Amino acid sequence: MQTVSIRDLKNNPSNMTKYLENNESVFVTKHGKPIGITIPLNDDTLSMGIKKTVALEQFKQGLISMGKMAEIMGIDKQEAMRMLNSLGLNWIEDDIEVIKSEVSKWL
């Protein structure tokens, strides 16, 4: 997720629009602290709704877990997995070495 300060936004608003046009969400900061978030308005955003889109963006940025994302969206984990699969997003939270280690225990 990109970050744009209030000062940068005032002096050069095209920074914000550049990110939004590239379908990237943007944290707006004041004195280095996030005060808001902007999200691109596209067909996915409009069909999912703002709350779900923000939860998805937070998950994609690693700020919340898939379980927390599902909770915010009001769906169960299996539905969250299906949604992430349909969007082509990885929902496995362990790294590949942890997964290999776990699988090798069963072989």
Protein backbone atom coordinates (compact mmCIF):
# COMPACT_ATOMS: atom_id res chain seq x y z
CA MET A 1 0.00 0.00 0.00
CA GLN A 2 1.31 3.42 -0.91
CA THR A 3 1.55 6.39 1.45
CA VAL A 4 0.95 10.05 0.66
CA SER A 5 1.27 12.83 3.23
CA ILE A 6 -1.19 15.67 3.51
CA ARG A 7 1.60 18.04 2.47
CA ASP A 8 2.40 15.99 -0.65
CA LEU A 9 -1.29 15.75 -1.46
CA LYS A 10 -1.65 19.53 -1.22
CA ASN A 11 1.47 20.23 -3.31
CA ASN A 12 1.11 17.45 -5.87
CA PRO A 13 -2.32 15.78 -5.97
CA SER A 14 -1.32 13.79 -9.05
CA ASN A 15 0.66 11.46 -6.74
CA MET A 16 -2.61 10.24 -5.26
CA THR A 17 -4.37 9.88 -8.59
CA LYS A 18 -1.40 8.01 -10.09
CA TYR A 19 -1.69 5.30 -7.43
CA LEU A 20 -5.48 5.12 -7.65
CA GLU A 21 -5.34 4.81 -11.44
CA ASN A 22 -3.01 1.83 -10.93
CA ASN A 23 -5.63 0.23 -8.62
CA GLU A 24 -3.48 0.80 -5.53
CA SER A 25 -4.87 1.86 -2.17
CA VAL A 26 -3.17 4.76 -0.44
CA PHE A 27 -2.68 5.65 3.22
CA VAL A 28 -2.98 9.38 3.80
CA THR A 29 -0.68 10.52 6.61
CA LYS A 30 -0.29 13.61 8.75
CA HIS A 31 3.01 14.02 10.58
CA GLY A 32 3.86 10.43 9.64
CA LYS A 33 0.70 8.90 11.15
CA PRO A 34 -2.06 7.38 9.01
CA ILE A 35 -5.27 9.42 9.16
CA GLY A 36 -7.17 7.86 6.28
CA ILE A 37 -7.14 5.49 3.38
CA THR A 38 -8.18 5.90 -0.22
CA ILE A 39 -9.21 3.00 -2.38
CA PRO A 40 -9.64 2.87 -6.14
CA LEU A 41 -13.21 2.75 -7.37
CA ASN A 42 -13.41 -0.08 -9.84
CA ASP A 43 -15.94 -2.82 -10.55
CA ASP A 44 -14.47 -5.09 -7.84
CA THR A 45 -14.53 -2.36 -5.20
CA LEU A 46 -18.07 -1.33 -6.00
CA SER A 47 -19.42 -4.89 -6.05
CA MET A 48 -17.65 -5.90 -2.80
CA GLY A 49 -18.46 -2.79 -0.80
CA ILE A 50 -16.11 -0.45 1.01
CA LYS A 51 -15.81 -2.36 4.31
CA LYS A 52 -14.94 -5.62 2.58
CA THR A 53 -12.54 -3.90 0.21
CA VAL A 54 -10.66 -2.26 3.08
CA ALA A 55 -10.44 -5.61 4.89
CA LEU A 56 -9.13 -7.24 1.71
CA GLU A 57 -6.54 -4.47 1.25
CA GLN A 58 -5.40 -4.88 4.86
CA PHE A 59 -5.03 -8.63 4.32
CA LYS A 60 -3.09 -8.13 1.08
CA GLN A 61 -0.70 -5.79 2.88
CA GLY A 62 -0.16 -8.30 5.69
CA LEU A 63 -1.77 -6.04 8.29
CA ILE A 64 -4.43 -8.58 9.29
CA SER A 65 -4.79 -12.35 9.05
CA MET A 66 -7.18 -14.15 6.74
CA GLY A 67 -9.28 -15.06 9.78
CA LYS A 68 -9.55 -11.42 10.84
CA MET A 69 -10.39 -10.42 7.27
CA ALA A 70 -13.17 -13.02 7.19
CA GLU A 71 -14.47 -11.77 10.55
CA ILE A 72 -14.60 -8.16 9.34
CA MET A 73 -16.36 -9.26 6.15
CA GLY A 74 -18.85 -11.38 8.07
CA ILE A 75 -17.95 -14.58 6.23
CA ASP A 76 -16.43 -17.89 7.33
CA LYS A 77 -12.84 -18.86 6.55
CA GLN A 78 -13.82 -21.28 3.79
CA GLU A 79 -15.72 -18.54 1.98
CA ALA A 80 -12.72 -16.22 2.48
CA MET A 81 -10.44 -18.86 0.92
CA ARG A 82 -12.78 -19.23 -2.07
CA MET A 83 -12.90 -15.45 -2.51
CA LEU A 84 -9.11 -15.13 -2.35
CA ASN A 85 -8.75 -18.01 -4.83
CA SER A 86 -11.16 -16.33 -7.23
CA LEU A 87 -9.08 -13.14 -7.01
CA GLY A 88 -5.87 -15.10 -7.61
CA LEU A 89 -4.50 -14.23 -4.16
CA ASN A 90 -2.44 -16.50 -1.92
CA TRP A 91 -4.16 -17.19 1.39
CA ILE A 92 -1.62 -19.60 2.86
CA GLU A 93 -0.04 -17.75 5.75
CA ASP A 94 2.97 -19.99 6.39
CA ASP A 95 6.07 -19.76 4.26
CA ILE A 96 6.99 -22.62 1.95
CA GLU A 97 9.66 -24.06 4.28
CA VAL A 98 7.17 -24.40 7.14
CA ILE A 99 4.72 -26.13 4.82
CA LYS A 100 7.39 -28.54 3.50
CA SER A 101 8.39 -29.36 7.08
CA GLU A 102 4.79 -30.13 8.05
CA VAL A 103 4.17 -32.24 4.95
CA SER A 104 7.37 -34.24 5.48
CA LYS A 105 6.09 -35.31 8.92
CA TRP A 106 3.21 -37.11 7.22
CA LEU A 107 5.23 -38.85 4.52
